[in-house]
Amino acid sequence: MTSWQMVRVVAGVFILLSLALGIPGSPIFMNQWFLAFTAFVGVNILQSGITKWCLMETIMRKVGFKAGD
């Protein structure tokens, strides 16, 4: 798996988990402030698309994932 693929997997997990923790109807609801984390991930994805740089991808490369094409 390449670094850019792993970034998308991590972003998807973060979004789904923060939604599950932040939506009142969820069985694992904790607090609505978890929805702020969903917004944070979305803003980072937007920033990555505009600037073509992603901190999470840099971290994934340093952890050992190969760079994608």
C-alpha atoms as a PDB file:
ATOM      1  CA  MET A   1       0.000   0.000   0.000  1.00  0.00           C
ATOM      2  CA  THR A   2       1.368   3.412  -0.907  1.00  0.00           C
ATOM      3  CA  SER A   3       1.502   6.466   1.334  1.00  0.00           C
ATOM      4  CA  TRP A   4      -1.323   8.270  -0.494  1.00  0.00           C
ATOM      5  CA  GLN A   5      -3.564   5.208  -0.237  1.00  0.00           C
ATOM      6  CA  MET A   6      -2.879   4.933   3.485  1.00  0.00           C
ATOM      7  CA  VAL A   7      -3.676   8.632   3.972  1.00  0.00           C
ATOM      8  CA  ARG A   8      -7.108   8.060   2.461  1.00  0.00           C
ATOM      9  CA  VAL A   9      -7.700   4.994   4.634  1.00  0.00           C
ATOM     10  CA  VAL A  10      -6.737   6.922   7.774  1.00  0.00           C
ATOM     11  CA  ALA A  11      -8.889   9.919   6.781  1.00  0.00           C
ATOM     12  CA  GLY A  12     -11.869   7.646   6.142  1.00  0.00           C
ATOM     13  CA  VAL A  13     -11.473   5.908   9.497  1.00  0.00           C
ATOM     14  CA  PHE A  14     -11.120   9.245  11.306  1.00  0.00           C
ATOM     15  CA  ILE A  15     -14.245  10.633   9.628  1.00  0.00           C
ATOM     16  CA  LEU A  16     -16.385   7.576  10.308  1.00  0.00           C
ATOM     17  CA  LEU A  17     -15.201   7.276  13.906  1.00  0.00           C
ATOM     18  CA  SER A  18     -15.713  10.967  14.689  1.00  0.00           C
ATOM     19  CA  LEU A  19     -19.193  10.840  13.132  1.00  0.00           C
ATOM     20  CA  ALA A  20     -20.068   7.773  15.213  1.00  0.00           C
ATOM     21  CA  LEU A  21     -18.868   9.537  18.356  1.00  0.00           C
ATOM     22  CA  GLY A  22     -20.517  12.885  17.522  1.00  0.00           C
ATOM     23  CA  ILE A  23     -23.991  12.053  16.202  1.00  0.00           C
ATOM     24  CA  PRO A  24     -26.556  11.759  19.021  1.00  0.00           C
ATOM     25  CA  GLY A  25     -28.354   8.786  17.418  1.00  0.00           C
ATOM     26  CA  SER A  26     -25.182   6.675  17.366  1.00  0.00           C
ATOM     27  CA  PRO A  27     -24.872   3.791  19.856  1.00  0.00           C
ATOM     28  CA  ILE A  28     -21.363   5.002  20.780  1.00  0.00           C
ATOM     29  CA  PHE A  29     -22.250   8.720  21.009  1.00  0.00           C
ATOM     30  CA  MET A  30     -19.951  10.631  23.356  1.00  0.00           C
ATOM     31  CA  ASN A  31     -20.174  14.347  22.605  1.00  0.00           C
ATOM     32  CA  GLN A  32     -21.193  16.532  19.662  1.00  0.00           C
ATOM     33  CA  TRP A  33     -17.751  18.167  19.740  1.00  0.00           C
ATOM     34  CA  PHE A  34     -16.381  15.095  17.959  1.00  0.00           C
ATOM     35  CA  LEU A  35     -17.993  16.577  14.843  1.00  0.00           C
ATOM     36  CA  ALA A  36     -15.345  19.322  15.006  1.00  0.00           C
ATOM     37  CA  PHE A  37     -12.758  16.614  14.318  1.00  0.00           C
ATOM     38  CA  THR A  38     -14.739  15.602  11.221  1.00  0.00           C
ATOM     39  CA  ALA A  39     -14.528  19.223  10.041  1.00  0.00           C
ATOM     40  CA  PHE A  40     -10.785  19.309  10.819  1.00  0.00           C
ATOM     41  CA  VAL A  41     -10.172  16.242   8.643  1.00  0.00           C
ATOM     42  CA  GLY A  42     -12.276  17.761   5.851  1.00  0.00           C
ATOM     43  CA  VAL A  43     -10.336  21.027   5.970  1.00  0.00           C
ATOM     44  CA  ASN A  44      -7.056  19.118   5.787  1.00  0.00           C
ATOM     45  CA  ILE A  45      -8.262  17.147   2.758  1.00  0.00           C
ATOM     46  CA  LEU A  46      -9.280  20.429   1.094  1.00  0.00           C
ATOM     47  CA  GLN A  47      -5.921  22.018   1.925  1.00  0.00           C
ATOM     48  CA  SER A  48      -4.101  18.972   0.559  1.00  0.00           C
ATOM     49  CA  GLY A  49      -6.000  19.177  -2.722  1.00  0.00           C
ATOM     50  CA  ILE A  50      -5.195  22.868  -3.153  1.00  0.00           C
ATOM     51  CA  THR A  51      -1.533  22.877  -2.075  1.00  0.00           C
ATOM     52  CA  LYS A  52      -0.613  19.313  -3.189  1.00  0.00           C
ATOM     53  CA  TRP A  53       1.035  18.756   0.220  1.00  0.00           C
ATOM     54  CA  CYS A  54      -0.264  16.604   3.047  1.00  0.00           C
ATOM     55  CA  LEU A  55       1.318  16.289   6.483  1.00  0.00           C
ATOM     56  CA  MET A  56      -0.179  12.833   7.005  1.00  0.00           C
ATOM     57  CA  GLU A  57       1.423  11.604   3.770  1.00  0.00           C
ATOM     58  CA  THR A  58       4.782  12.940   4.923  1.00  0.00           C
ATOM     59  CA  ILE A  59       4.333  11.064   8.200  1.00  0.00           C
ATOM     60  CA  MET A  60       3.346   7.877   6.350  1.00  0.00           C
ATOM     61  CA  ARG A  61       6.486   8.070   4.216  1.00  0.00           C
ATOM     62  CA  LYS A  62       8.659   8.487   7.313  1.00  0.00           C
ATOM     63  CA  VAL A  63       6.936   5.475   8.896  1.00  0.00           C
ATOM     64  CA  GLY A  64       7.963   3.407   5.889  1.00  0.00           C
ATOM     65  CA  PHE A  65       5.183   3.467   3.299  1.00  0.00           C
ATOM     66  CA  LYS A  66       6.455   3.935  -0.250  1.00  0.00           C
ATOM     67  CA  ALA A  67       5.510   7.050  -2.188  1.00  0.00           C
ATOM     68  CA  GLY A  68       2.631   6.687  -4.635  1.00  0.00           C
ATOM     69  CA  ASP A  69       2.668   7.516  -8.317  1.00  0.00           C
END
